[in-house]
All heavy atoms as atom14 arrays in JSON, in Angstrom:
{
  "sequence": "GKIAAATGAVLFSQQSDRHERGAGRVAIRPVPYPVGMAVAALAEYEVA",
  "atom14_mask": [
    [1, 1, 1, 1, 0, 0, 0, 0, 0, 0, 0, 0, 0, 0],
    [1, 1, 1, 1, 1, 1, 1, 1, 1, 0, 0, 0, 0, 0],
    [1, 1, 1, 1, 1, 1, 1, 1, 0, 0, 0, 0, 0, 0],
    [1, 1, 1, 1, 1, 0, 0, 0, 0, 0, 0, 0, 0, 0],
    [1, 1, 1, 1, 1, 0, 0, 0, 0, 0, 0, 0, 0, 0],
    [1, 1, 1, 1, 1, 0, 0, 0, 0, 0, 0, 0, 0, 0],
    [1, 1, 1, 1, 1, 1, 1, 0, 0, 0, 0, 0, 0, 0],
    [1, 1, 1, 1, 0, 0, 0, 0, 0, 0, 0, 0, 0, 0],
    [1, 1, 1, 1, 1, 0, 0, 0, 0, 0, 0, 0, 0, 0],
    [1, 1, 1, 1, 1, 1, 1, 0, 0, 0, 0, 0, 0, 0],
    [1, 1, 1, 1, 1, 1, 1, 1, 0, 0, 0, 0, 0, 0],
    [1, 1, 1, 1, 1, 1, 1, 1, 1, 1, 1, 0, 0, 0],
    [1, 1, 1, 1, 1, 1, 0, 0, 0, 0, 0, 0, 0, 0],
    [1, 1, 1, 1, 1, 1, 1, 1, 1, 0, 0, 0, 0, 0],
    [1, 1, 1, 1, 1, 1, 1, 1, 1, 0, 0, 0, 0, 0],
    [1, 1, 1, 1, 1, 1, 0, 0, 0, 0, 0, 0, 0, 0],
    [1, 1, 1, 1, 1, 1, 1, 1, 0, 0, 0, 0, 0, 0],
    [1, 1, 1, 1, 1, 1, 1, 1, 1, 1, 1, 0, 0, 0],
    [1, 1, 1, 1, 1, 1, 1, 1, 1, 1, 0, 0, 0, 0],
    [1, 1, 1, 1, 1, 1, 1, 1, 1, 0, 0, 0, 0, 0],
    [1, 1, 1, 1, 1, 1, 1, 1, 1, 1, 1, 0, 0, 0],
    [1, 1, 1, 1, 0, 0, 0, 0, 0, 0, 0, 0, 0, 0],
    [1, 1, 1, 1, 1, 0, 0, 0, 0, 0, 0, 0, 0, 0],
    [1, 1, 1, 1, 0, 0, 0, 0, 0, 0, 0, 0, 0, 0],
    [1, 1, 1, 1, 1, 1, 1, 1, 1, 1, 1, 0, 0, 0],
    [1, 1, 1, 1, 1, 1, 1, 0, 0, 0, 0, 0, 0, 0],
    [1, 1, 1, 1, 1, 0, 0, 0, 0, 0, 0, 0, 0, 0],
    [1, 1, 1, 1, 1, 1, 1, 1, 0, 0, 0, 0, 0, 0],
    [1, 1, 1, 1, 1, 1, 1, 1, 1, 1, 1, 0, 0, 0],
    [1, 1, 1, 1, 1, 1, 1, 0, 0, 0, 0, 0, 0, 0],
    [1, 1, 1, 1, 1, 1, 1, 0, 0, 0, 0, 0, 0, 0],
    [1, 1, 1, 1, 1, 1, 1, 0, 0, 0, 0, 0, 0, 0],
    [1, 1, 1, 1, 1, 1, 1, 1, 1, 1, 1, 1, 0, 0],
    [1, 1, 1, 1, 1, 1, 1, 0, 0, 0, 0, 0, 0, 0],
    [1, 1, 1, 1, 1, 1, 1, 0, 0, 0, 0, 0, 0, 0],
    [1, 1, 1, 1, 0, 0, 0, 0, 0, 0, 0, 0, 0, 0],
    [1, 1, 1, 1, 1, 1, 1, 1, 0, 0, 0, 0, 0, 0],
    [1, 1, 1, 1, 1, 0, 0, 0, 0, 0, 0, 0, 0, 0],
    [1, 1, 1, 1, 1, 1, 1, 0, 0, 0, 0, 0, 0, 0],
    [1, 1, 1, 1, 1, 0, 0, 0, 0, 0, 0, 0, 0, 0],
    [1, 1, 1, 1, 1, 0, 0, 0, 0, 0, 0, 0, 0, 0],
    [1, 1, 1, 1, 1, 1, 1, 1, 0, 0, 0, 0, 0, 0],
    [1, 1, 1, 1, 1, 0, 0, 0, 0, 0, 0, 0, 0, 0],
    [1, 1, 1, 1, 1, 1, 1, 1, 1, 0, 0, 0, 0, 0],
    [1, 1, 1, 1, 1, 1, 1, 1, 1, 1, 1, 1, 0, 0],
    [1, 1, 1, 1, 1, 1, 1, 1, 1, 0, 0, 0, 0, 0],
    [1, 1, 1, 1, 1, 1, 1, 0, 0, 0, 0, 0, 0, 0],
    [1, 1, 1, 1, 1, 0, 0, 0, 0, 0, 0, 0, 0, 0]
  ],
  "atom14_positions": [
    [[307.82, -22.53, -152.06], [307.07, -21.97, -150.94], [307.66, -20.68, -150.47], [306.91, -19.76, -150.07], [0.0, 0.0, 0.0], [0.0, 0.0, 0.0], [0.0, 0.0, 0.0], [0.0, 0.0, 0.0], [0.0, 0.0, 0.0], [0.0, 0.0, 0.0], [0.0, 0.0, 0.0], [0.0, 0.0, 0.0], [0.0, 0.0, 0.0], [0.0, 0.0, 0.0]],
    [[308.99, -20.57, -150.45], [309.61, -19.31, -150.08], [309.24, -18.19, -151.08], [308.96, -17.07, -150.69], [311.14, -19.47, -150.04], [311.66, -20.31, -148.88], [313.17, -20.36, -148.9], [313.72, -21.13, -147.69], [315.19, -21.07, -147.64], [0.0, 0.0, 0.0], [0.0, 0.0, 0.0], [0.0, 0.0, 0.0], [0.0, 0.0, 0.0], [0.0, 0.0, 0.0]],
    [[309.29, -18.52, -152.35], [308.92, -17.54, -153.38], [307.48, -17.07, -153.19], [307.19, -15.88, -153.23], [309.13, -18.16, -154.77], [310.61, -18.47, -155.03], [308.6, -17.17, -155.85], [310.87, -19.29, -156.28], [0.0, 0.0, 0.0], [0.0, 0.0, 0.0], [0.0, 0.0, 0.0], [0.0, 0.0, 0.0], [0.0, 0.0, 0.0], [0.0, 0.0, 0.0]],
    [[306.59, -18.04, -152.93], [305.2, -17.69, -152.71], [305.03, -16.83, -151.48], [304.26, -15.82, -151.51], [304.37, -18.97, -152.62], [0.0, 0.0, 0.0], [0.0, 0.0, 0.0], [0.0, 0.0, 0.0], [0.0, 0.0, 0.0], [0.0, 0.0, 0.0], [0.0, 0.0, 0.0], [0.0, 0.0, 0.0], [0.0, 0.0, 0.0], [0.0, 0.0, 0.0]],
    [[305.71, -17.16, -150.41], [305.59, -16.4, -149.17], [306.05, -14.97, -149.34], [305.5, -14.01, -148.77], [306.34, -17.11, -148.05], [0.0, 0.0, 0.0], [0.0, 0.0, 0.0], [0.0, 0.0, 0.0], [0.0, 0.0, 0.0], [0.0, 0.0, 0.0], [0.0, 0.0, 0.0], [0.0, 0.0, 0.0], [0.0, 0.0, 0.0], [0.0, 0.0, 0.0]],
    [[307.14, -14.79, -150.1], [307.7, -13.47, -150.28], [306.96, -12.6, -151.28], [307.01, -11.36, -151.2], [309.17, -13.6, -150.71], [0.0, 0.0, 0.0], [0.0, 0.0, 0.0], [0.0, 0.0, 0.0], [0.0, 0.0, 0.0], [0.0, 0.0, 0.0], [0.0, 0.0, 0.0], [0.0, 0.0, 0.0], [0.0, 0.0, 0.0], [0.0, 0.0, 0.0]],
    [[306.26, -13.2, -152.22], [305.68, -12.43, -153.31], [304.17, -12.43, -153.35], [303.58, -11.65, -154.08], [306.16, -13.0, -154.68], [305.69, -14.35, -154.84], [307.69, -12.97, -154.76], [0.0, 0.0, 0.0], [0.0, 0.0, 0.0], [0.0, 0.0, 0.0], [0.0, 0.0, 0.0], [0.0, 0.0, 0.0], [0.0, 0.0, 0.0], [0.0, 0.0, 0.0]],
    [[303.53, -13.33, -152.61], [302.07, -13.45, -152.65], [301.57, -14.33, -153.76], [300.33, -14.47, -153.93], [0.0, 0.0, 0.0], [0.0, 0.0, 0.0], [0.0, 0.0, 0.0], [0.0, 0.0, 0.0], [0.0, 0.0, 0.0], [0.0, 0.0, 0.0], [0.0, 0.0, 0.0], [0.0, 0.0, 0.0], [0.0, 0.0, 0.0], [0.0, 0.0, 0.0]],
    [[302.46, -14.94, -154.52], [302.02, -15.89, -155.55], [301.39, -17.11, -154.86], [301.68, -17.42, -153.7], [303.21, -16.32, -156.4], [0.0, 0.0, 0.0], [0.0, 0.0, 0.0], [0.0, 0.0, 0.0], [0.0, 0.0, 0.0], [0.0, 0.0, 0.0], [0.0, 0.0, 0.0], [0.0, 0.0, 0.0], [0.0, 0.0, 0.0], [0.0, 0.0, 0.0]],
    [[300.55, -17.81, -155.63], [299.86, -19.01, -155.11], [300.37, -20.22, -155.86], [300.52, -20.19, -157.07], [298.33, -18.87, -155.27], [297.62, -20.13, -154.81], [297.81, -17.68, -154.48], [0.0, 0.0, 0.0], [0.0, 0.0, 0.0], [0.0, 0.0, 0.0], [0.0, 0.0, 0.0], [0.0, 0.0, 0.0], [0.0, 0.0, 0.0], [0.0, 0.0, 0.0]],
    [[300.66, -21.29, -155.12], [301.22, -22.5, -155.69], [300.1, -23.48, -156.08], [299.18, -23.72, -155.3], [302.14, -23.18, -154.7], [303.36, -22.4, -154.21], [304.17, -23.23, -153.21], [304.24, -21.97, -155.36], [0.0, 0.0, 0.0], [0.0, 0.0, 0.0], [0.0, 0.0, 0.0], [0.0, 0.0, 0.0], [0.0, 0.0, 0.0], [0.0, 0.0, 0.0]],
    [[300.24, -24.04, -157.27], [299.36, -25.09, -157.75], [300.19, -26.26, -158.23], [301.31, -26.11, -158.7], [298.47, -24.62, -158.92], [297.37, -23.68, -158.52], [297.59, -22.3, -158.47], [296.1, -24.17, -158.21], [296.55, -21.43, -158.09], [295.1, -23.3, -157.85], [295.32, -21.92, -157.78], [0.0, 0.0, 0.0], [0.0, 0.0, 0.0], [0.0, 0.0, 0.0]],
    [[299.6, -27.48, -158.19], [300.28, -28.65, -158.7], [299.47, -29.22, -159.86], [298.24, -29.2, -159.83], [300.47, -29.73, -157.61], [299.18, -30.2, -157.14], [0.0, 0.0, 0.0], [0.0, 0.0, 0.0], [0.0, 0.0, 0.0], [0.0, 0.0, 0.0], [0.0, 0.0, 0.0], [0.0, 0.0, 0.0], [0.0, 0.0, 0.0], [0.0, 0.0, 0.0]],
    [[300.21, -29.76, -160.84], [299.58, -30.53, -161.92], [299.85, -32.0, -161.64], [300.83, -32.37, -160.98], [300.15, -30.14, -163.29], [299.81, -28.75, -163.74], [299.95, -28.63, -165.25], [299.16, -29.23, -165.95], [300.9, -27.84, -165.71], [0.0, 0.0, 0.0], [0.0, 0.0, 0.0], [0.0, 0.0, 0.0], [0.0, 0.0, 0.0], [0.0, 0.0, 0.0]],
    [[299.0, -32.86, -162.22], [299.18, -34.31, -162.07], [300.57, -34.69, -162.59], [300.95, -34.32, -163.7], [298.11, -35.04, -162.87], [297.99, -36.5, -162.53], [296.8, -37.13, -163.23], [296.66, -37.04, -164.43], [295.93, -37.76, -162.48], [0.0, 0.0, 0.0], [0.0, 0.0, 0.0], [0.0, 0.0, 0.0], [0.0, 0.0, 0.0], [0.0, 0.0, 0.0]],
    [[301.33, -35.45, -161.79], [302.71, -35.7, -162.09], [303.12, -37.1, -161.68], [302.36, -37.83, -161.03], [303.63, -34.68, -161.38], [303.44, -33.39, -161.94], [0.0, 0.0, 0.0], [0.0, 0.0, 0.0], [0.0, 0.0, 0.0], [0.0, 0.0, 0.0], [0.0, 0.0, 0.0], [0.0, 0.0, 0.0], [0.0, 0.0, 0.0], [0.0, 0.0, 0.0]],
    [[304.36, -37.43, -161.97], [304.9, -38.74, -161.73], [304.94, -39.03, -160.21], [304.56, -40.12, -159.75], [306.28, -38.92, -162.34], [307.3, -37.94, -161.83], [306.91, -36.82, -161.42], [308.51, -38.26, -161.83], [0.0, 0.0, 0.0], [0.0, 0.0, 0.0], [0.0, 0.0, 0.0], [0.0, 0.0, 0.0], [0.0, 0.0, 0.0], [0.0, 0.0, 0.0]],
    [[305.42, -38.08, -159.44], [305.64, -38.29, -158.04], [305.59, -36.97, -157.26], [306.33, -36.03, -157.6], [307.0, -38.95, -157.81], [307.42, -39.16, -156.36], [308.74, -39.87, -156.35], [309.48, -39.71, -155.11], [310.79, -39.91, -155.0], [311.49, -40.28, -156.05], [311.42, -39.74, -153.84], [0.0, 0.0, 0.0], [0.0, 0.0, 0.0], [0.0, 0.0, 0.0]],
    [[304.68, -36.87, -156.32], [304.46, -35.68, -155.54], [304.78, -36.02, -154.07], [304.1, -36.89, -153.5], [303.03, -35.19, -155.69], [302.75, -33.91, -154.97], [301.48, -33.32, -155.02], [303.49, -33.11, -154.19], [301.49, -32.22, -154.31], [302.7, -32.06, -153.78], [0.0, 0.0, 0.0], [0.0, 0.0, 0.0], [0.0, 0.0, 0.0], [0.0, 0.0, 0.0]],
    [[305.77, -35.35, -153.49], [306.11, -35.55, -152.08], [305.23, -34.61, -151.25], [305.47, -33.41, -151.25], [307.59, -35.32, -151.85], [308.45, -36.34, -152.57], [309.94, -36.17, -152.3], [310.35, -35.13, -151.74], [310.72, -37.06, -152.7], [0.0, 0.0, 0.0], [0.0, 0.0, 0.0], [0.0, 0.0, 0.0], [0.0, 0.0, 0.0], [0.0, 0.0, 0.0]],
    [[304.25, -35.18, -150.6], [303.25, -34.35, -149.93], [303.03, -34.82, -148.5], [303.62, -35.79, -148.05], [301.93, -34.36, -150.72], [301.26, -35.71, -150.8], [300.03, -35.68, -151.71], [299.24, -36.91, -151.55], [298.1, -37.16, -152.19], [297.62, -36.27, -153.06], [297.46, -38.29, -151.98], [0.0, 0.0, 0.0], [0.0, 0.0, 0.0], [0.0, 0.0, 0.0]],
    [[302.18, -34.12, -147.79], [301.88, -34.47, -146.38], [302.38, -33.41, -145.43], [302.86, -32.32, -145.8], [0.0, 0.0, 0.0], [0.0, 0.0, 0.0], [0.0, 0.0, 0.0], [0.0, 0.0, 0.0], [0.0, 0.0, 0.0], [0.0, 0.0, 0.0], [0.0, 0.0, 0.0], [0.0, 0.0, 0.0], [0.0, 0.0, 0.0], [0.0, 0.0, 0.0]],
    [[302.25, -33.74, -144.14], [302.63, -32.77, -143.07], [304.12, -32.43, -143.15], [304.96, -33.27, -143.47], [302.28, -33.36, -141.72], [0.0, 0.0, 0.0], [0.0, 0.0, 0.0], [0.0, 0.0, 0.0], [0.0, 0.0, 0.0], [0.0, 0.0, 0.0], [0.0, 0.0, 0.0], [0.0, 0.0, 0.0], [0.0, 0.0, 0.0], [0.0, 0.0, 0.0]],
    [[304.43, -31.17, -142.85], [305.81, -30.72, -142.88], [306.31, -30.33, -144.24], [307.43, -29.83, -144.4], [0.0, 0.0, 0.0], [0.0, 0.0, 0.0], [0.0, 0.0, 0.0], [0.0, 0.0, 0.0], [0.0, 0.0, 0.0], [0.0, 0.0, 0.0], [0.0, 0.0, 0.0], [0.0, 0.0, 0.0], [0.0, 0.0, 0.0], [0.0, 0.0, 0.0]],
    [[305.49, -30.54, -145.27], [305.84, -30.14, -146.62], [305.0, -28.95, -147.05], [304.02, -28.62, -146.43], [305.67, -31.33, -147.56], [306.74, -32.41, -147.27], [306.55, -33.67, -148.01], [307.7, -34.56, -147.79], [307.72, -35.85, -148.06], [306.64, -36.43, -148.59], [308.79, -36.59, -147.83], [0.0, 0.0, 0.0], [0.0, 0.0, 0.0], [0.0, 0.0, 0.0]],
    [[305.38, -28.33, -148.12], [304.8, -27.05, -148.5], [303.36, -27.25, -148.97], [303.06, -28.15, -149.75], [305.65, -26.37, -149.59], [304.92, -25.2, -150.22], [306.96, -25.92, -149.01], [0.0, 0.0, 0.0], [0.0, 0.0, 0.0], [0.0, 0.0, 0.0], [0.0, 0.0, 0.0], [0.0, 0.0, 0.0], [0.0, 0.0, 0.0], [0.0, 0.0, 0.0]],
    [[302.5, -26.36, -148.48], [301.1, -26.39, -148.87], [300.95, -25.97, -150.33], [301.53, -24.99, -150.78], [300.28, -25.44, -147.97], [0.0, 0.0, 0.0], [0.0, 0.0, 0.0], [0.0, 0.0, 0.0], [0.0, 0.0, 0.0], [0.0, 0.0, 0.0], [0.0, 0.0, 0.0], [0.0, 0.0, 0.0], [0.0, 0.0, 0.0], [0.0, 0.0, 0.0]],
    [[300.17, -26.71, -151.09], [299.96, -26.43, -152.51], [298.61, -26.92, -152.91], [298.08, -27.9, -152.4], [301.1, -27.13, -153.34], [301.03, -26.71, -154.82], [301.05, -28.62, -153.2], [302.27, -27.13, -155.6], [0.0, 0.0, 0.0], [0.0, 0.0, 0.0], [0.0, 0.0, 0.0], [0.0, 0.0, 0.0], [0.0, 0.0, 0.0], [0.0, 0.0, 0.0]],
    [[297.97, -26.2, -153.85], [296.65, -26.57, -154.32], [296.73, -27.38, -155.61], [297.43, -26.94, -156.53], [295.8, -25.31, -154.6], [295.72, -24.32, -153.47], [294.93, -23.1, -153.9], [295.0, -22.01, -152.93], [294.43, -20.81, -153.09], [293.75, -20.56, -154.22], [294.53, -19.89, -152.18], [0.0, 0.0, 0.0], [0.0, 0.0, 0.0], [0.0, 0.0, 0.0]],
    [[296.04, -28.47, -155.72], [296.03, -29.19, -156.99], [295.11, -28.46, -157.99], [294.08, -27.91, -157.6], [295.44, -30.57, -156.63], [294.59, -30.29, -155.42], [295.28, -29.19, -154.67], [0.0, 0.0, 0.0], [0.0, 0.0, 0.0], [0.0, 0.0, 0.0], [0.0, 0.0, 0.0], [0.0, 0.0, 0.0], [0.0, 0.0, 0.0], [0.0, 0.0, 0.0]],
    [[295.5, -28.45, -159.25], [294.59, -28.02, -160.31], [293.51, -29.09, -160.41], [293.82, -30.26, -160.69], [295.32, -27.85, -161.66], [294.3, -27.52, -162.77], [296.37, -26.75, -161.55], [0.0, 0.0, 0.0], [0.0, 0.0, 0.0], [0.0, 0.0, 0.0], [0.0, 0.0, 0.0], [0.0, 0.0, 0.0], [0.0, 0.0, 0.0], [0.0, 0.0, 0.0]],
    [[292.25, -28.76, -160.19], [291.18, -29.83, -160.19], [291.08, -30.54, -161.5], [291.35, -29.97, -162.57], [289.93, -29.02, -159.87], [290.39, -27.74, -159.21], [291.71, -27.44, -159.87], [0.0, 0.0, 0.0], [0.0, 0.0, 0.0], [0.0, 0.0, 0.0], [0.0, 0.0, 0.0], [0.0, 0.0, 0.0], [0.0, 0.0, 0.0], [0.0, 0.0, 0.0]],
    [[290.67, -31.8, -161.45], [290.41, -32.59, -162.67], [289.2, -32.11, -163.43], [289.27, -31.9, -164.64], [290.31, -34.06, -162.32], [289.8, -34.94, -163.45], [290.67, -35.38, -164.43], [288.46, -35.29, -163.55], [290.22, -36.17, -165.49], [288.01, -36.08, -164.6], [288.9, -36.51, -165.55], [288.44, -37.28, -166.6], [0.0, 0.0, 0.0], [0.0, 0.0, 0.0]],
    [[288.02, -31.91, -162.77], [286.85, -31.45, -163.56], [287.12, -30.06, -164.16], [287.58, -29.14, -163.47], [285.74, -31.41, -162.5], [286.21, -32.33, -161.42], [287.67, -32.17, -161.37], [0.0, 0.0, 0.0], [0.0, 0.0, 0.0], [0.0, 0.0, 0.0], [0.0, 0.0, 0.0], [0.0, 0.0, 0.0], [0.0, 0.0, 0.0], [0.0, 0.0, 0.0]],
    [[286.84, -29.94, -165.45], [287.25, -28.73, -166.14], [286.6, -27.47, -165.56], [287.25, -26.42, -165.44], [287.01, -28.87, -167.67], [285.53, -29.1, -167.95], [287.49, -27.65, -168.41], [0.0, 0.0, 0.0], [0.0, 0.0, 0.0], [0.0, 0.0, 0.0], [0.0, 0.0, 0.0], [0.0, 0.0, 0.0], [0.0, 0.0, 0.0], [0.0, 0.0, 0.0]],
    [[285.33, -27.57, -165.18], [284.68, -26.39, -164.64], [285.33, -25.94, -163.34], [285.5, -24.73, -163.1], [0.0, 0.0, 0.0], [0.0, 0.0, 0.0], [0.0, 0.0, 0.0], [0.0, 0.0, 0.0], [0.0, 0.0, 0.0], [0.0, 0.0, 0.0], [0.0, 0.0, 0.0], [0.0, 0.0, 0.0], [0.0, 0.0, 0.0], [0.0, 0.0, 0.0]],
    [[285.69, -26.88, -162.49], [286.36, -26.55, -161.22], [287.74, -25.97, -161.47], [288.2, -25.07, -160.79], [286.45, -27.79, -160.34], [285.09, -28.28, -159.84], [285.23, -29.86, -158.93], [286.22, -29.33, -157.53], [0.0, 0.0, 0.0], [0.0, 0.0, 0.0], [0.0, 0.0, 0.0], [0.0, 0.0, 0.0], [0.0, 0.0, 0.0], [0.0, 0.0, 0.0]],
    [[288.46, -26.52, -162.49], [289.77, -26.01, -162.81], [289.73, -24.58, -163.29], [290.5, -23.69, -162.91], [290.45, -26.9, -163.88], [0.0, 0.0, 0.0], [0.0, 0.0, 0.0], [0.0, 0.0, 0.0], [0.0, 0.0, 0.0], [0.0, 0.0, 0.0], [0.0, 0.0, 0.0], [0.0, 0.0, 0.0], [0.0, 0.0, 0.0], [0.0, 0.0, 0.0]],
    [[288.75, -24.28, -164.18], [288.57, -22.93, -164.68], [288.29, -21.97, -163.52], [288.86, -20.86, -163.46], [287.46, -22.9, -165.74], [287.05, -21.46, -166.06], [287.89, -23.61, -167.01], [0.0, 0.0, 0.0], [0.0, 0.0, 0.0], [0.0, 0.0, 0.0], [0.0, 0.0, 0.0], [0.0, 0.0, 0.0], [0.0, 0.0, 0.0], [0.0, 0.0, 0.0]],
    [[287.39, -22.36, -162.62], [287.06, -21.51, -161.47], [288.25, -21.3, -160.56], [288.47, -20.17, -160.07], [285.9, -22.12, -160.72], [0.0, 0.0, 0.0], [0.0, 0.0, 0.0], [0.0, 0.0, 0.0], [0.0, 0.0, 0.0], [0.0, 0.0, 0.0], [0.0, 0.0, 0.0], [0.0, 0.0, 0.0], [0.0, 0.0, 0.0], [0.0, 0.0, 0.0]],
    [[289.04, -22.33, -160.32], [290.2, -22.23, -159.42], [291.25, -21.29, -159.95], [291.98, -20.65, -159.15], [290.8, -23.62, -159.19], [0.0, 0.0, 0.0], [0.0, 0.0, 0.0], [0.0, 0.0, 0.0], [0.0, 0.0, 0.0], [0.0, 0.0, 0.0], [0.0, 0.0, 0.0], [0.0, 0.0, 0.0], [0.0, 0.0, 0.0], [0.0, 0.0, 0.0]],
    [[291.37, -21.15, -161.27], [292.43, -20.34, -161.85], [291.94, -19.01, -162.43], [292.73, -18.25, -163.0], [293.13, -21.13, -162.96], [293.83, -22.42, -162.47], [294.23, -23.27, -163.66], [295.1, -22.06, -161.66], [0.0, 0.0, 0.0], [0.0, 0.0, 0.0], [0.0, 0.0, 0.0], [0.0, 0.0, 0.0], [0.0, 0.0, 0.0], [0.0, 0.0, 0.0]],
    [[290.66, -18.7, -162.26], [290.03, -17.6, -162.97], [290.65, -16.24, -162.62], [290.68, -15.33, -163.46], [288.53, -17.56, -162.68], [0.0, 0.0, 0.0], [0.0, 0.0, 0.0], [0.0, 0.0, 0.0], [0.0, 0.0, 0.0], [0.0, 0.0, 0.0], [0.0, 0.0, 0.0], [0.0, 0.0, 0.0], [0.0, 0.0, 0.0], [0.0, 0.0, 0.0]],
    [[291.16, -16.06, -161.42], [291.59, -14.75, -160.99], [293.01, -14.39, -161.39], [293.43, -13.22, -161.25], [291.51, -14.64, -159.46], [292.5, -15.54, -158.73], [292.37, -15.45, -157.2], [291.58, -16.21, -156.64], [293.08, -14.6, -156.63], [0.0, 0.0, 0.0], [0.0, 0.0, 0.0], [0.0, 0.0, 0.0], [0.0, 0.0, 0.0], [0.0, 0.0, 0.0]],
    [[293.79, -15.33, -161.94], [295.2, -15.1, -162.12], [295.51, -14.41, -163.45], [294.9, -14.69, -164.48], [295.98, -16.42, -161.97], [295.8, -16.96, -160.58], [294.92, -17.98, -160.31], [296.5, -16.39, -159.52], [294.72, -18.44, -159.03], [296.33, -16.83, -158.22], [295.43, -17.86, -157.98], [295.24, -18.27, -156.71], [0.0, 0.0, 0.0], [0.0, 0.0, 0.0]],
    [[296.49, -13.5, -163.37], [296.89, -12.71, -164.55], [298.15, -13.26, -165.19], [298.41, -13.03, -166.36], [297.09, -11.26, -164.13], [295.86, -10.57, -163.58], [296.18, -9.25, -162.9], [296.61, -9.27, -161.72], [296.03, -8.22, -163.58], [0.0, 0.0, 0.0], [0.0, 0.0, 0.0], [0.0, 0.0, 0.0], [0.0, 0.0, 0.0], [0.0, 0.0, 0.0]],
    [[298.96, -13.97, -164.4], [300.2, -14.58, -164.89], [300.3, -15.98, -164.33], [300.03, -16.21, -163.12], [301.44, -13.75, -164.47], [302.72, -14.41, -165.06], [301.36, -12.33, -164.96], [0.0, 0.0, 0.0], [0.0, 0.0, 0.0], [0.0, 0.0, 0.0], [0.0, 0.0, 0.0], [0.0, 0.0, 0.0], [0.0, 0.0, 0.0], [0.0, 0.0, 0.0]],
    [[300.71, -16.92, -165.16], [300.98, -18.29, -164.69], [302.44, -18.62, -165.02], [302.84, -18.53, -166.17], [300.05, -19.28, -165.34], [0.0, 0.0, 0.0], [0.0, 0.0, 0.0], [0.0, 0.0, 0.0], [0.0, 0.0, 0.0], [0.0, 0.0, 0.0], [0.0, 0.0, 0.0], [0.0, 0.0, 0.0], [0.0, 0.0, 0.0], [0.0, 0.0, 0.0]]
  ]
}
C-alpha cells in the first residue's frame, strides 16, 4: 500500500490461500473471476 500510494500503482489480488482483509487493512481490488470482467479491469495497465 505504501508503494502504491507513493507511485500511483494500483493493487490487485489473485485468488490465494489466505487473504487478511477487512477494515484497517490495505484497500485492494480482486481480479474478477469472469474473464470478460477481468480483461476489462486490467485493460489500461502497461506493466504488471
